[in-house]
Amino acid sequence: VQLVESGGGLVHPGGSLRLSCAASGSTFSSYVMRWYRQAPGAELELVAGINSEGIITNFADSLKGRFTISRDNAKNMVYLQMNNLKFEDTAVYYCNKGIEWGQGTQVTVSA
C-alpha cells in the first residue's frame, strides 16, 4: 500500500489549505487514518485521526476549530482541511495508515 500526500504549499497567515492523501490497496476502508506533522527541530505530532466509519479518533486540542479531518472510502482518500493557518502550523504533514507512511507534504505559513 502506498500513501501519497498532496496539497501543501506556501500560505499567508489566516489562509487555508486542504491536504489530500491518496492510498492504494483494497484495505483502506478498514483502517484508521491519521495525519501527523513535524515542524523544524520538533518531534512528530499527531494532528488528527479518523476511523473507517468517519468517526474522529484523535484530534490535537490546539487545532480544534481550525483543522478538520475527513475521508472518502470510495476514493481511498483522506483529507485535512486547515483554516486560519498560523506561523506555528509550518511543518511537513504526513499521512499514516498503520505502519505505513507517506512521503510528506510541506506546509509553510509565512508573511
Protein backbone atom coordinates (compact mmCIF):
# COMPACT_ATOMS: atom_id res chain seq x y z
CA VAL A 1 0.00 0.00 0.00
CA GLN A 2 1.24 3.42 -0.90
CA LEU A 3 0.28 6.74 0.62
CA VAL A 4 0.76 9.93 -1.36
CA GLU A 5 0.11 13.33 0.17
CA SER A 6 -0.58 16.48 -1.79
CA GLY A 7 -1.91 19.98 -1.29
CA GLY A 8 0.86 21.56 0.71
CA GLY A 9 2.39 24.88 -0.14
CA LEU A 10 3.11 28.41 0.93
CA VAL A 11 0.28 30.35 2.50
CA HIS A 12 -0.11 33.60 4.40
CA PRO A 13 -1.26 33.64 8.00
CA GLY A 14 -5.02 33.32 8.11
CA GLY A 15 -5.10 31.38 4.88
CA SER A 16 -6.35 27.86 4.21
CA LEU A 17 -5.05 24.69 2.65
CA ARG A 18 -6.58 21.31 2.03
CA LEU A 19 -4.23 18.37 2.21
CA SER A 20 -5.09 15.13 0.48
CA CYS A 21 -3.76 11.64 0.95
CA ALA A 22 -4.32 9.03 -1.71
CA ALA A 23 -3.99 5.43 -0.62
CA SER A 24 -3.59 2.45 -2.86
CA GLY A 25 -4.73 -1.03 -1.89
CA SER A 26 -8.03 -2.66 -1.06
CA THR A 27 -7.94 -2.40 2.73
CA PHE A 28 -8.11 1.36 3.07
CA SER A 29 -11.67 1.47 4.33
CA SER A 30 -10.93 -0.77 7.31
CA TYR A 31 -8.13 1.34 8.74
CA VAL A 32 -7.89 4.33 10.99
CA MET A 33 -6.19 7.06 9.00
CA ARG A 34 -4.12 9.72 10.72
CA TRP A 35 -2.36 12.95 9.92
CA TYR A 36 0.85 13.83 11.68
CA ARG A 37 3.12 16.80 11.34
CA GLN A 38 6.70 17.61 12.13
CA ALA A 39 7.89 21.17 12.48
CA PRO A 40 11.58 22.04 12.08
CA GLY A 41 13.51 20.85 15.09
CA ALA A 42 10.42 19.39 16.71
CA GLU A 43 9.08 15.93 17.34
CA LEU A 44 6.42 14.27 15.28
CA GLU A 45 2.98 15.43 16.40
CA LEU A 46 -0.34 13.68 15.92
CA VAL A 47 -2.77 16.07 14.28
CA ALA A 48 -5.92 14.01 13.83
CA GLY A 49 -7.25 10.53 13.20
CA ILE A 50 -10.44 9.19 11.66
CA ASN A 51 -11.75 5.65 11.68
CA SER A 52 -13.35 3.66 8.92
CA GLU A 53 -16.81 4.98 9.80
CA GLY A 54 -15.71 8.58 9.71
CA ILE A 55 -15.58 8.98 13.46
CA ILE A 56 -12.79 11.16 14.77
CA THR A 57 -10.44 9.07 16.91
CA ASN A 58 -7.78 11.64 17.71
CA PHE A 59 -7.52 15.40 17.49
CA ALA A 60 -4.89 17.73 18.85
CA ASP A 61 -6.70 20.08 21.23
CA SER A 62 -4.77 23.07 19.97
CA LEU A 63 -6.05 22.53 16.43
CA LYS A 64 -9.73 22.01 17.10
CA GLY A 65 -11.83 24.63 15.42
CA ARG A 66 -9.25 25.29 12.72
CA PHE A 67 -8.50 21.85 11.26
CA THR A 68 -10.91 19.21 10.02
CA ILE A 69 -10.19 15.62 9.04
CA SER A 70 -12.39 13.66 6.67
CA ARG A 71 -12.22 10.63 4.41
CA ASP A 72 -13.81 9.19 1.32
CA ASN A 73 -13.62 5.40 1.40
CA ALA A 74 -14.94 5.09 -2.14
CA LYS A 75 -11.96 7.07 -3.39
CA ASN A 76 -9.38 5.80 -0.89
CA MET A 77 -8.75 9.37 0.18
CA VAL A 78 -8.27 11.17 3.47
CA TYR A 79 -8.23 14.93 3.79
CA LEU A 80 -7.08 17.57 6.20
CA GLN A 81 -8.77 20.94 5.86
CA MET A 82 -6.69 23.63 7.54
CA ASN A 83 -8.15 27.07 8.11
CA ASN A 84 -6.85 30.22 9.75
CA LEU A 85 -3.32 28.95 9.43
CA LYS A 86 -0.68 30.30 11.77
CA PHE A 87 3.08 30.54 11.61
CA GLU A 88 3.35 27.63 14.03
CA ASP A 89 1.48 25.36 11.62
CA THR A 90 4.55 25.32 9.40
CA ALA A 91 5.62 21.69 9.18
CA VAL A 92 5.82 18.65 7.00
CA TYR A 93 2.48 16.88 7.15
CA TYR A 94 2.37 13.10 6.89
CA CYS A 95 -0.43 10.67 6.18
CA ASN A 96 -0.38 7.45 8.20
CA LYS A 97 -2.11 4.09 7.90
CA GLY A 98 -0.96 1.57 10.46
CA ILE A 99 2.77 1.16 9.92
CA GLU A 100 2.68 2.86 6.54
CA TRP A 101 3.64 6.47 5.92
CA GLY A 102 3.53 8.86 3.05
CA GLN A 103 6.47 10.95 1.96
CA GLY A 104 5.01 14.10 3.45
CA THR A 105 3.90 17.44 2.10
CA GLN A 106 5.39 20.74 3.19
CA VAL A 107 3.16 23.45 4.59
CA THR A 108 4.77 26.82 5.10
CA VAL A 109 2.92 29.71 6.69
CA SER A 110 4.73 32.93 6.04
CA ALA A 111 4.02 36.60 5.60
